[in-house]
Amino acid sequence: MAEEAQDESRTVLVVGPDGRPLGTMSTGDDENAEDPSKLIEQPAKVMRIGSMIKQLLEEVRAAPLDEAGRQRLKEIHRRSIVELEDGLAVELREELERLSLPFDDGSTPSEAELRIAQAQLVGWLEGLFHGIQAALVAQQMAARVQLEQMRSRPALMGGPGGPGAQPGGPTVTGTGQYL
């Protein structure tokens, strides 16, 4: 029963260009294949934080900030990274930690430093979302190709040589024989 649940989790719905489902198929037994859906553990949270950071960047560009505003934005930036890391898989957390350099604890960053840090974070998030979309599209295209290959095999079509056919046996045509 547990094995069936694992098999179901590797099932992909293949959708045609018109948006209608063509069928479902297993993505295979390749345990090494990266599953893009596993990279973001809490997608809604990551999307909310990403939208907030993008809006903050637009606000910082629009108006000058005093020291208190810069200090507040510094804290929001730090807290946003902590919250983002909570919603990401380990490898993405590590990447984000490597790329986002913290501000000095004792000083207030300049507006330029804040803009750069916010833009970097927004850019990283957009790259993350585009990368996951690309991986999902590639996965769906691979599933579509596999499905088409399965459909084109005579054994799956029930034609001559299909299921139940015996080598060298008679080929039945027309409406078939009844026993």
N, C-alpha and C. Protein backbone atom coordinates (compact mmCIF):
# COMPACT_ATOMS: atom_id res chain seq x y z
N MET A 1 0.83 -1.19 0.00
CA MET A 1 0.00 0.00 0.00
C MET A 1 0.87 1.25 0.00
N ALA A 2 1.94 1.28 0.82
CA ALA A 2 2.84 2.44 0.87
C ALA A 2 3.54 2.62 -0.47
N GLU A 3 3.86 1.50 -1.14
CA GLU A 3 4.50 1.58 -2.45
C GLU A 3 3.56 2.21 -3.47
N GLU A 4 2.27 1.91 -3.39
CA GLU A 4 1.31 2.52 -4.30
C GLU A 4 1.25 4.03 -4.09
N ALA A 5 1.31 4.47 -2.85
CA ALA A 5 1.28 5.91 -2.56
C ALA A 5 2.50 6.59 -3.13
N GLN A 6 3.66 5.93 -3.07
CA GLN A 6 4.86 6.52 -3.66
C GLN A 6 4.74 6.60 -5.17
N ASP A 7 4.17 5.56 -5.80
CA ASP A 7 4.00 5.57 -7.24
C ASP A 7 3.05 6.69 -7.66
N GLU A 8 1.98 6.90 -6.88
CA GLU A 8 1.04 7.95 -7.21
C GLU A 8 1.69 9.32 -7.14
N SER A 9 2.63 9.52 -6.21
CA SER A 9 3.27 10.82 -6.07
C SER A 9 4.17 11.13 -7.26
N ARG A 10 4.50 10.13 -8.07
CA ARG A 10 5.33 10.34 -9.25
C ARG A 10 4.49 10.35 -10.52
N THR A 11 3.21 10.55 -10.40
CA THR A 11 2.33 10.60 -11.55
C THR A 11 2.18 12.04 -12.02
N VAL A 12 2.29 12.24 -13.33
CA VAL A 12 2.20 13.57 -13.91
C VAL A 12 0.98 13.62 -14.83
N LEU A 13 0.22 14.69 -14.73
CA LEU A 13 -0.89 14.93 -15.65
C LEU A 13 -0.33 15.64 -16.86
N VAL A 14 -0.48 15.05 -18.03
CA VAL A 14 0.02 15.64 -19.26
C VAL A 14 -1.12 16.41 -19.91
N VAL A 15 -0.85 17.71 -20.18
CA VAL A 15 -1.86 18.60 -20.71
C VAL A 15 -1.48 18.99 -22.12
N GLY A 16 -2.46 18.99 -23.02
CA GLY A 16 -2.23 19.36 -24.41
C GLY A 16 -2.17 20.87 -24.59
N PRO A 17 -1.84 21.33 -25.79
CA PRO A 17 -1.72 22.75 -26.05
C PRO A 17 -3.02 23.52 -25.82
N ASP A 18 -4.14 22.81 -25.94
CA ASP A 18 -5.43 23.47 -25.74
C ASP A 18 -5.85 23.47 -24.27
N GLY A 19 -5.00 22.92 -23.39
CA GLY A 19 -5.30 22.92 -21.97
C GLY A 19 -6.06 21.70 -21.48
N ARG A 20 -6.47 20.83 -22.39
CA ARG A 20 -7.20 19.62 -21.97
C ARG A 20 -6.22 18.51 -21.62
N PRO A 21 -6.56 17.71 -20.61
CA PRO A 21 -5.66 16.62 -20.22
C PRO A 21 -5.56 15.57 -21.32
N LEU A 22 -4.32 15.14 -21.59
CA LEU A 22 -4.09 14.05 -22.54
C LEU A 22 -4.04 12.71 -21.83
N GLY A 23 -3.65 12.72 -20.60
CA GLY A 23 -3.55 11.49 -19.82
C GLY A 23 -2.58 11.68 -18.68
N THR A 24 -2.34 10.61 -17.95
CA THR A 24 -1.38 10.66 -16.86
C THR A 24 -0.32 9.62 -17.10
N MET A 25 0.82 9.84 -16.49
CA MET A 25 1.88 8.85 -16.60
C MET A 25 2.85 9.01 -15.44
N SER A 26 3.57 7.97 -15.19
CA SER A 26 4.58 7.99 -14.14
C SER A 26 5.81 8.70 -14.67
N THR A 27 6.50 9.43 -13.78
CA THR A 27 7.72 10.11 -14.18
C THR A 27 8.91 9.18 -14.15
N GLY A 28 8.70 7.93 -13.77
CA GLY A 28 9.78 6.95 -13.79
C GLY A 28 10.33 6.68 -12.41
N ASP A 29 11.31 5.79 -12.38
CA ASP A 29 11.90 5.38 -11.11
C ASP A 29 13.22 6.07 -10.86
N ASP A 30 13.52 7.12 -11.58
CA ASP A 30 14.79 7.79 -11.42
C ASP A 30 14.80 8.58 -10.12
N GLU A 31 15.40 8.01 -9.10
CA GLU A 31 15.44 8.65 -7.79
C GLU A 31 16.34 9.87 -7.78
N ASN A 32 17.25 9.98 -8.74
CA ASN A 32 18.20 11.09 -8.77
C ASN A 32 17.62 12.33 -9.43
N ALA A 33 16.49 12.21 -10.09
CA ALA A 33 15.90 13.36 -10.76
C ALA A 33 15.43 14.37 -9.71
N GLU A 34 15.74 15.64 -9.96
CA GLU A 34 15.35 16.69 -9.01
C GLU A 34 13.89 17.03 -9.22
N ASP A 35 13.14 17.00 -8.14
CA ASP A 35 11.73 17.35 -8.19
C ASP A 35 11.58 18.80 -7.79
N PRO A 36 11.24 19.69 -8.74
CA PRO A 36 11.16 21.11 -8.44
C PRO A 36 10.17 21.45 -7.33
N SER A 37 9.15 20.63 -7.17
CA SER A 37 8.15 20.93 -6.14
C SER A 37 8.72 20.75 -4.73
N LYS A 38 9.86 20.08 -4.61
CA LYS A 38 10.48 19.86 -3.30
C LYS A 38 11.39 21.01 -2.90
N LEU A 39 11.70 21.94 -3.81
CA LEU A 39 12.63 23.02 -3.51
C LEU A 39 12.01 24.09 -2.62
N ILE A 40 10.73 24.29 -2.75
CA ILE A 40 10.05 25.27 -1.91
C ILE A 40 9.05 24.52 -1.05
N GLU A 41 9.36 24.46 0.24
CA GLU A 41 8.52 23.70 1.16
C GLU A 41 7.23 24.43 1.48
N GLN A 42 7.26 25.77 1.44
CA GLN A 42 6.08 26.57 1.74
C GLN A 42 5.91 27.62 0.64
N PRO A 43 5.40 27.23 -0.52
CA PRO A 43 5.34 28.15 -1.66
C PRO A 43 4.54 29.41 -1.41
N ALA A 44 3.43 29.32 -0.70
CA ALA A 44 2.61 30.51 -0.46
C ALA A 44 3.38 31.52 0.38
N LYS A 45 4.09 31.04 1.37
CA LYS A 45 4.88 31.93 2.23
C LYS A 45 5.98 32.61 1.43
N VAL A 46 6.69 31.86 0.61
CA VAL A 46 7.77 32.42 -0.19
C VAL A 46 7.22 33.46 -1.17
N MET A 47 6.07 33.18 -1.76
CA MET A 47 5.47 34.14 -2.69
C MET A 47 5.05 35.42 -1.97
N ARG A 48 4.47 35.30 -0.78
CA ARG A 48 4.06 36.49 -0.02
C ARG A 48 5.27 37.35 0.33
N ILE A 49 6.32 36.72 0.82
CA ILE A 49 7.52 37.46 1.21
C ILE A 49 8.17 38.08 -0.02
N GLY A 50 8.20 37.35 -1.12
CA GLY A 50 8.76 37.88 -2.36
C GLY A 50 8.01 39.11 -2.83
N SER A 51 6.69 39.07 -2.78
CA SER A 51 5.87 40.23 -3.17
C SER A 51 6.12 41.41 -2.24
N MET A 52 6.23 41.14 -0.96
CA MET A 52 6.49 42.21 0.00
C MET A 52 7.84 42.87 -0.27
N ILE A 53 8.86 42.08 -0.52
CA ILE A 53 10.20 42.61 -0.76
C ILE A 53 10.21 43.45 -2.04
N LYS A 54 9.53 42.97 -3.06
CA LYS A 54 9.47 43.72 -4.32
C LYS A 54 8.78 45.06 -4.10
N GLN A 55 7.70 45.08 -3.34
CA GLN A 55 7.00 46.34 -3.05
C GLN A 55 7.88 47.28 -2.23
N LEU A 56 8.62 46.73 -1.27
CA LEU A 56 9.54 47.55 -0.48
C LEU A 56 10.60 48.20 -1.36
N LEU A 57 11.13 47.45 -2.30
CA LEU A 57 12.13 48.00 -3.21
C LEU A 57 11.57 49.16 -4.01
N GLU A 58 10.34 49.03 -4.48
CA GLU A 58 9.71 50.12 -5.22
C GLU A 58 9.51 51.34 -4.33
N GLU A 59 9.14 51.14 -3.07
CA GLU A 59 8.95 52.26 -2.15
C GLU A 59 10.28 52.96 -1.84
N VAL A 60 11.34 52.18 -1.67
CA VAL A 60 12.65 52.76 -1.38
C VAL A 60 13.13 53.62 -2.55
N ARG A 61 12.83 53.19 -3.75
CA ARG A 61 13.20 53.98 -4.93
C ARG A 61 12.41 55.28 -5.01
N ALA A 62 11.19 55.26 -4.54
CA ALA A 62 10.28 56.39 -4.70
C ALA A 62 10.54 57.54 -3.73
N ALA A 63 11.03 57.26 -2.55
CA ALA A 63 11.17 58.32 -1.55
C ALA A 63 12.47 58.15 -0.77
N PRO A 64 13.08 59.28 -0.40
CA PRO A 64 14.29 59.18 0.42
C PRO A 64 13.94 58.69 1.83
N LEU A 65 14.89 58.02 2.45
CA LEU A 65 14.66 57.49 3.79
C LEU A 65 15.56 58.19 4.80
N ASP A 66 15.01 58.49 5.96
CA ASP A 66 15.83 59.02 7.04
C ASP A 66 16.52 57.85 7.75
N GLU A 67 17.30 58.14 8.77
CA GLU A 67 18.06 57.09 9.45
C GLU A 67 17.15 56.04 10.08
N ALA A 68 16.05 56.47 10.67
CA ALA A 68 15.12 55.51 11.29
C ALA A 68 14.49 54.61 10.22
N GLY A 69 14.15 55.17 9.07
CA GLY A 69 13.58 54.37 7.98
C GLY A 69 14.58 53.37 7.44
N ARG A 70 15.83 53.79 7.31
CA ARG A 70 16.88 52.87 6.83
C ARG A 70 17.12 51.75 7.84
N GLN A 71 17.10 52.11 9.11
CA GLN A 71 17.29 51.09 10.16
C GLN A 71 16.13 50.09 10.13
N ARG A 72 14.92 50.59 9.95
CA ARG A 72 13.74 49.71 9.88
C ARG A 72 13.82 48.80 8.66
N LEU A 73 14.21 49.35 7.52
CA LEU A 73 14.31 48.55 6.30
C LEU A 73 15.40 47.50 6.43
N LYS A 74 16.49 47.84 7.11
CA LYS A 74 17.55 46.87 7.37
C LYS A 74 17.00 45.68 8.17
N GLU A 75 16.20 45.98 9.19
CA GLU A 75 15.62 44.91 10.01
C GLU A 75 14.60 44.09 9.22
N ILE A 76 13.81 44.74 8.39
CA ILE A 76 12.85 44.02 7.54
C ILE A 76 13.58 43.09 6.58
N HIS A 77 14.68 43.58 6.02
CA HIS A 77 15.47 42.76 5.09
C HIS A 77 16.01 41.52 5.81
N ARG A 78 16.59 41.72 6.99
CA ARG A 78 17.14 40.59 7.76
C ARG A 78 16.06 39.59 8.11
N ARG A 79 14.92 40.09 8.59
CA ARG A 79 13.82 39.21 8.99
C ARG A 79 13.22 38.47 7.79
N SER A 80 13.16 39.16 6.65
CA SER A 80 12.62 38.53 5.43
C SER A 80 13.47 37.33 5.01
N ILE A 81 14.78 37.47 5.11
CA ILE A 81 15.67 36.36 4.75
C ILE A 81 15.46 35.19 5.70
N VAL A 82 15.32 35.47 6.99
CA VAL A 82 15.07 34.40 7.96
C VAL A 82 13.76 33.68 7.63
N GLU A 83 12.72 34.45 7.34
CA GLU A 83 11.42 33.85 7.01
C GLU A 83 11.48 33.07 5.70
N LEU A 84 12.19 33.61 4.70
CA LEU A 84 12.33 32.90 3.43
C LEU A 84 13.03 31.55 3.65
N GLU A 85 14.10 31.57 4.41
CA GLU A 85 14.83 30.33 4.65
C GLU A 85 13.95 29.27 5.28
N ASP A 86 12.99 29.68 6.08
CA ASP A 86 12.07 28.75 6.73
C ASP A 86 11.19 28.03 5.69
N GLY A 87 10.95 28.66 4.54
CA GLY A 87 10.08 28.07 3.54
C GLY A 87 10.80 27.36 2.41
N LEU A 88 12.13 27.29 2.48
CA LEU A 88 12.92 26.72 1.39
C LEU A 88 13.57 25.40 1.77
N ALA A 89 13.90 24.61 0.76
CA ALA A 89 14.65 23.38 0.97
C ALA A 89 16.08 23.75 1.37
N VAL A 90 16.79 22.80 1.95
CA VAL A 90 18.12 23.03 2.50
C VAL A 90 19.08 23.63 1.47
N GLU A 91 19.11 23.08 0.26
CA GLU A 91 20.08 23.57 -0.73
C GLU A 91 19.81 25.02 -1.12
N LEU A 92 18.53 25.42 -1.15
CA LEU A 92 18.21 26.81 -1.46
C LEU A 92 18.51 27.73 -0.27
N ARG A 93 18.32 27.24 0.93
CA ARG A 93 18.69 28.02 2.12
C ARG A 93 20.17 28.34 2.10
N GLU A 94 20.96 27.32 1.81
CA GLU A 94 22.42 27.51 1.77
C GLU A 94 22.81 28.51 0.69
N GLU A 95 22.18 28.41 -0.47
CA GLU A 95 22.48 29.35 -1.55
C GLU A 95 22.12 30.78 -1.14
N LEU A 96 20.96 30.96 -0.55
CA LEU A 96 20.53 32.29 -0.11
C LEU A 96 21.49 32.85 0.94
N GLU A 97 21.93 32.02 1.87
CA GLU A 97 22.88 32.48 2.89
C GLU A 97 24.20 32.91 2.26
N ARG A 98 24.67 32.17 1.24
CA ARG A 98 25.92 32.52 0.58
C ARG A 98 25.81 33.84 -0.17
N LEU A 99 24.64 34.08 -0.78
CA LEU A 99 24.48 35.26 -1.63
C LEU A 99 24.08 36.53 -0.88
N SER A 100 23.36 36.41 0.20
CA SER A 100 22.89 37.60 0.91
C SER A 100 23.84 37.90 2.06
N LEU A 101 24.59 38.97 1.88
CA LEU A 101 25.53 39.38 2.92
C LEU A 101 24.81 40.26 3.93
N PRO A 102 24.97 39.98 5.21
CA PRO A 102 24.27 40.79 6.21
C PRO A 102 24.89 42.17 6.35
N PHE A 103 24.09 43.10 6.82
CA PHE A 103 24.58 44.45 7.11
C PHE A 103 25.36 44.41 8.42
N ASP A 104 26.21 45.42 8.61
CA ASP A 104 26.91 45.52 9.89
C ASP A 104 25.89 45.79 10.99
N ASP A 105 26.08 45.13 12.13
CA ASP A 105 25.12 45.28 13.23
C ASP A 105 25.13 46.68 13.84
N GLY A 106 26.27 47.30 13.90
CA GLY A 106 26.37 48.57 14.60
C GLY A 106 26.03 49.80 13.80
N SER A 107 25.90 49.68 12.48
CA SER A 107 25.70 50.88 11.68
C SER A 107 24.39 50.82 10.90
N THR A 108 23.95 52.00 10.49
CA THR A 108 22.75 52.10 9.65
C THR A 108 23.21 52.13 8.19
N PRO A 109 22.69 51.25 7.34
CA PRO A 109 23.12 51.22 5.94
C PRO A 109 22.62 52.46 5.19
N SER A 110 23.33 52.79 4.13
CA SER A 110 22.90 53.91 3.29
C SER A 110 21.72 53.46 2.43
N GLU A 111 21.07 54.43 1.80
CA GLU A 111 19.96 54.09 0.91
C GLU A 111 20.46 53.22 -0.24
N ALA A 112 21.64 53.52 -0.75
CA ALA A 112 22.19 52.74 -1.86
C ALA A 112 22.43 51.29 -1.43
N GLU A 113 22.98 51.09 -0.24
CA GLU A 113 23.20 49.73 0.26
C GLU A 113 21.89 48.96 0.39
N LEU A 114 20.87 49.64 0.90
CA LEU A 114 19.57 49.01 1.04
C LEU A 114 18.97 48.66 -0.31
N ARG A 115 19.05 49.56 -1.26
CA ARG A 115 18.51 49.30 -2.61
C ARG A 115 19.21 48.10 -3.24
N ILE A 116 20.52 48.06 -3.10
CA ILE A 116 21.28 46.95 -3.68
C ILE A 116 20.88 45.63 -3.03
N ALA A 117 20.79 45.61 -1.70
CA ALA A 117 20.42 44.38 -0.99
C ALA A 117 19.02 43.92 -1.37
N GLN A 118 18.08 44.87 -1.42
CA GLN A 118 16.70 44.52 -1.77
C GLN A 118 16.62 44.05 -3.22
N ALA A 119 17.30 44.75 -4.13
CA ALA A 119 17.27 44.35 -5.55
C ALA A 119 17.90 42.97 -5.72
N GLN A 120 18.96 42.69 -4.99
CA GLN A 120 19.59 41.38 -5.06
C GLN A 120 18.62 40.29 -4.62
N LEU A 121 17.92 40.54 -3.53
CA LEU A 121 16.97 39.56 -3.02
C LEU A 121 15.79 39.36 -3.97
N VAL A 122 15.26 40.45 -4.51
CA VAL A 122 14.17 40.34 -5.49
C VAL A 122 14.64 39.57 -6.72
N GLY A 123 15.83 39.89 -7.19
CA GLY A 123 16.38 39.18 -8.35
C GLY A 123 16.56 37.70 -8.09
N TRP A 124 17.04 37.35 -6.90
CA TRP A 124 17.22 35.94 -6.55
C TRP A 124 15.88 35.22 -6.52
N LEU A 125 14.88 35.86 -5.93
CA LEU A 125 13.55 35.25 -5.87
C LEU A 125 12.96 35.07 -7.26
N GLU A 126 13.09 36.07 -8.12
CA GLU A 126 12.57 35.93 -9.48
C GLU A 126 13.30 34.82 -10.22
N GLY A 127 14.61 34.73 -10.03
CA GLY A 127 15.37 33.63 -10.64
C GLY A 127 14.91 32.28 -10.12
N LEU A 128 14.62 32.21 -8.84
CA LEU A 128 14.12 30.97 -8.24
C LEU A 128 12.80 30.56 -8.88
N PHE A 129 11.88 31.51 -8.99
CA PHE A 129 10.57 31.19 -9.56
C PHE A 129 10.68 30.80 -11.03
N HIS A 130 11.51 31.51 -11.79
CA HIS A 130 11.68 31.17 -13.21
C HIS A 130 12.35 29.79 -13.36
N GLY A 131 13.31 29.51 -12.51
CA GLY A 131 13.98 28.21 -12.56
C GLY A 131 13.03 27.07 -12.27
N ILE A 132 12.17 27.25 -11.29
CA ILE A 132 11.20 26.21 -10.97
C ILE A 132 10.18 26.05 -12.09
N GLN A 133 9.73 27.16 -12.66
CA GLN A 133 8.79 27.07 -13.79
C GLN A 133 9.44 26.33 -14.96
N ALA A 134 10.69 26.65 -15.26
CA ALA A 134 11.38 25.98 -16.36
C ALA A 134 11.54 24.49 -16.09
N ALA A 135 11.88 24.13 -14.86
CA ALA A 135 12.02 22.71 -14.52
C ALA A 135 10.69 21.98 -14.63
N LEU A 136 9.61 22.62 -14.21
CA LEU A 136 8.29 21.99 -14.32
C LEU A 136 7.87 21.82 -15.77
N VAL A 137 8.13 22.82 -16.60
CA VAL A 137 7.80 22.72 -18.02
C VAL A 137 8.62 21.61 -18.67
N ALA A 138 9.91 21.55 -18.35
CA ALA A 138 10.76 20.49 -18.90
C ALA A 138 10.28 19.12 -18.46
N GLN A 139 9.87 19.01 -17.20
CA GLN A 139 9.35 17.74 -16.68
C GLN A 139 8.06 17.36 -17.41
N GLN A 140 7.20 18.35 -17.65
CA GLN A 140 5.95 18.06 -18.35
C GLN A 140 6.21 17.67 -19.80
N MET A 141 7.16 18.34 -20.44
CA MET A 141 7.48 17.99 -21.83
C MET A 141 8.06 16.58 -21.92
N ALA A 142 8.92 16.22 -20.96
CA ALA A 142 9.47 14.86 -20.96
C ALA A 142 8.36 13.85 -20.76
N ALA A 143 7.41 14.16 -19.89
CA ALA A 143 6.29 13.25 -19.66
C ALA A 143 5.44 13.13 -20.92
N ARG A 144 5.24 14.25 -21.62
CA ARG A 144 4.45 14.22 -22.86
C ARG A 144 5.14 13.35 -23.91
N VAL A 145 6.46 13.48 -24.04
CA VAL A 145 7.20 12.66 -25.00
C VAL A 145 7.08 11.19 -24.65
N GLN A 146 7.22 10.87 -23.36
CA GLN A 146 7.10 9.48 -22.93
C GLN A 146 5.70 8.95 -23.20
N LEU A 147 4.70 9.76 -22.98
CA LEU A 147 3.32 9.34 -23.23
C LEU A 147 3.10 9.08 -24.71
N GLU A 148 3.61 9.97 -25.54
CA GLU A 148 3.46 9.77 -26.99
C GLU A 148 4.19 8.51 -27.44
N GLN A 149 5.36 8.24 -26.86
CA GLN A 149 6.08 7.01 -27.19
C GLN A 149 5.28 5.79 -26.78
N MET A 150 4.65 5.87 -25.62
CA MET A 150 3.84 4.74 -25.15
C MET A 150 2.63 4.54 -26.07
N ARG A 151 2.03 5.62 -26.53
CA ARG A 151 0.86 5.51 -27.41
C ARG A 151 1.22 4.95 -28.77
N SER A 152 2.45 5.20 -29.22
CA SER A 152 2.82 4.76 -30.57
C SER A 152 3.29 3.31 -30.61
N ARG A 153 3.48 2.68 -29.49
CA ARG A 153 3.89 1.28 -29.46
C ARG A 153 2.71 0.39 -29.84
N PRO A 154 2.90 -0.56 -30.76
CA PRO A 154 1.81 -1.46 -31.15
C PRO A 154 1.30 -2.30 -29.98
N ALA A 155 2.15 -2.64 -29.06
CA ALA A 155 1.73 -3.49 -27.94
C ALA A 155 0.68 -2.78 -27.08
N LEU A 156 0.71 -1.48 -27.07
CA LEU A 156 -0.25 -0.75 -26.25
C LEU A 156 -1.53 -0.41 -27.01
N MET A 157 -1.51 -0.59 -28.31
CA MET A 157 -2.67 -0.21 -29.12
C MET A 157 -3.64 -1.36 -29.31
N GLY A 158 -3.23 -2.57 -28.97
CA GLY A 158 -4.13 -3.71 -29.11
C GLY A 158 -4.23 -4.22 -30.54
N GLY A 159 -3.37 -3.78 -31.42
CA GLY A 159 -3.37 -4.22 -32.82
C GLY A 159 -2.64 -5.53 -32.95
N PRO A 160 -2.32 -5.93 -34.20
CA PRO A 160 -1.57 -7.17 -34.40
C PRO A 160 -0.27 -7.14 -33.60
N GLY A 161 -0.03 -8.19 -32.90
CA GLY A 161 1.14 -8.26 -32.05
C GLY A 161 0.91 -7.60 -30.71
N GLY A 162 -0.30 -7.18 -30.45
CA GLY A 162 -0.62 -6.49 -29.20
C GLY A 162 -0.83 -7.47 -28.08
N PRO A 163 -1.44 -7.03 -26.99
CA PRO A 163 -1.64 -7.91 -25.84
C PRO A 163 -2.43 -9.16 -26.21
N GLY A 164 -1.98 -10.29 -25.75
CA GLY A 164 -2.68 -11.55 -26.00
C GLY A 164 -2.29 -12.21 -27.32
N ALA A 165 -1.54 -11.50 -28.16
CA ALA A 165 -1.12 -12.10 -29.44
C ALA A 165 0.01 -13.08 -29.19
N GLN A 166 0.00 -14.17 -29.96
CA GLN A 166 1.06 -15.15 -29.82
C GLN A 166 1.90 -15.13 -31.09
N PRO A 167 3.22 -15.24 -30.93
CA PRO A 167 4.08 -15.23 -32.11
C PRO A 167 3.70 -16.36 -33.06
N GLY A 168 3.57 -16.04 -34.33
CA GLY A 168 3.22 -17.03 -35.34
C GLY A 168 1.76 -17.40 -35.35
N GLY A 169 0.97 -16.85 -34.46
CA GLY A 169 -0.45 -17.17 -34.38
C GLY A 169 -1.24 -16.41 -35.43
N PRO A 170 -2.51 -16.76 -35.60
CA PRO A 170 -3.32 -16.12 -36.62
C PRO A 170 -3.64 -14.67 -36.24
N THR A 171 -3.72 -13.85 -37.25
CA THR A 171 -4.11 -12.45 -37.06
C THR A 171 -5.60 -12.36 -37.28
N VAL A 172 -6.31 -11.81 -36.31
CA VAL A 172 -7.76 -11.70 -36.41
C VAL A 172 -8.08 -10.30 -36.91
N THR A 173 -8.92 -10.21 -37.92
CA THR A 173 -9.32 -8.91 -38.46
C THR A 173 -10.82 -8.81 -38.41
N GLY A 174 -11.33 -7.63 -38.68
CA GLY A 174 -12.77 -7.45 -38.68
C GLY A 174 -13.28 -7.24 -37.27
N THR A 175 -14.48 -7.81 -37.01
CA THR A 175 -15.09 -7.61 -35.72
C THR A 175 -14.58 -8.58 -34.67
N GLY A 176 -13.81 -9.60 -35.06
CA GLY A 176 -13.23 -10.52 -34.10
C GLY A 176 -14.00 -11.82 -34.04
N GLN A 177 -13.44 -12.81 -33.38
CA GLN A 177 -14.09 -14.09 -33.23
C GLN A 177 -14.61 -14.23 -31.81
N TYR A 178 -15.71 -14.94 -31.71
CA TYR A 178 -16.26 -15.23 -30.40
C TYR A 178 -16.11 -16.71 -30.14
N LEU A 179 -15.70 -17.04 -28.96
CA LEU A 179 -15.52 -18.47 -28.63
C LEU A 179 -16.69 -19.01 -27.86
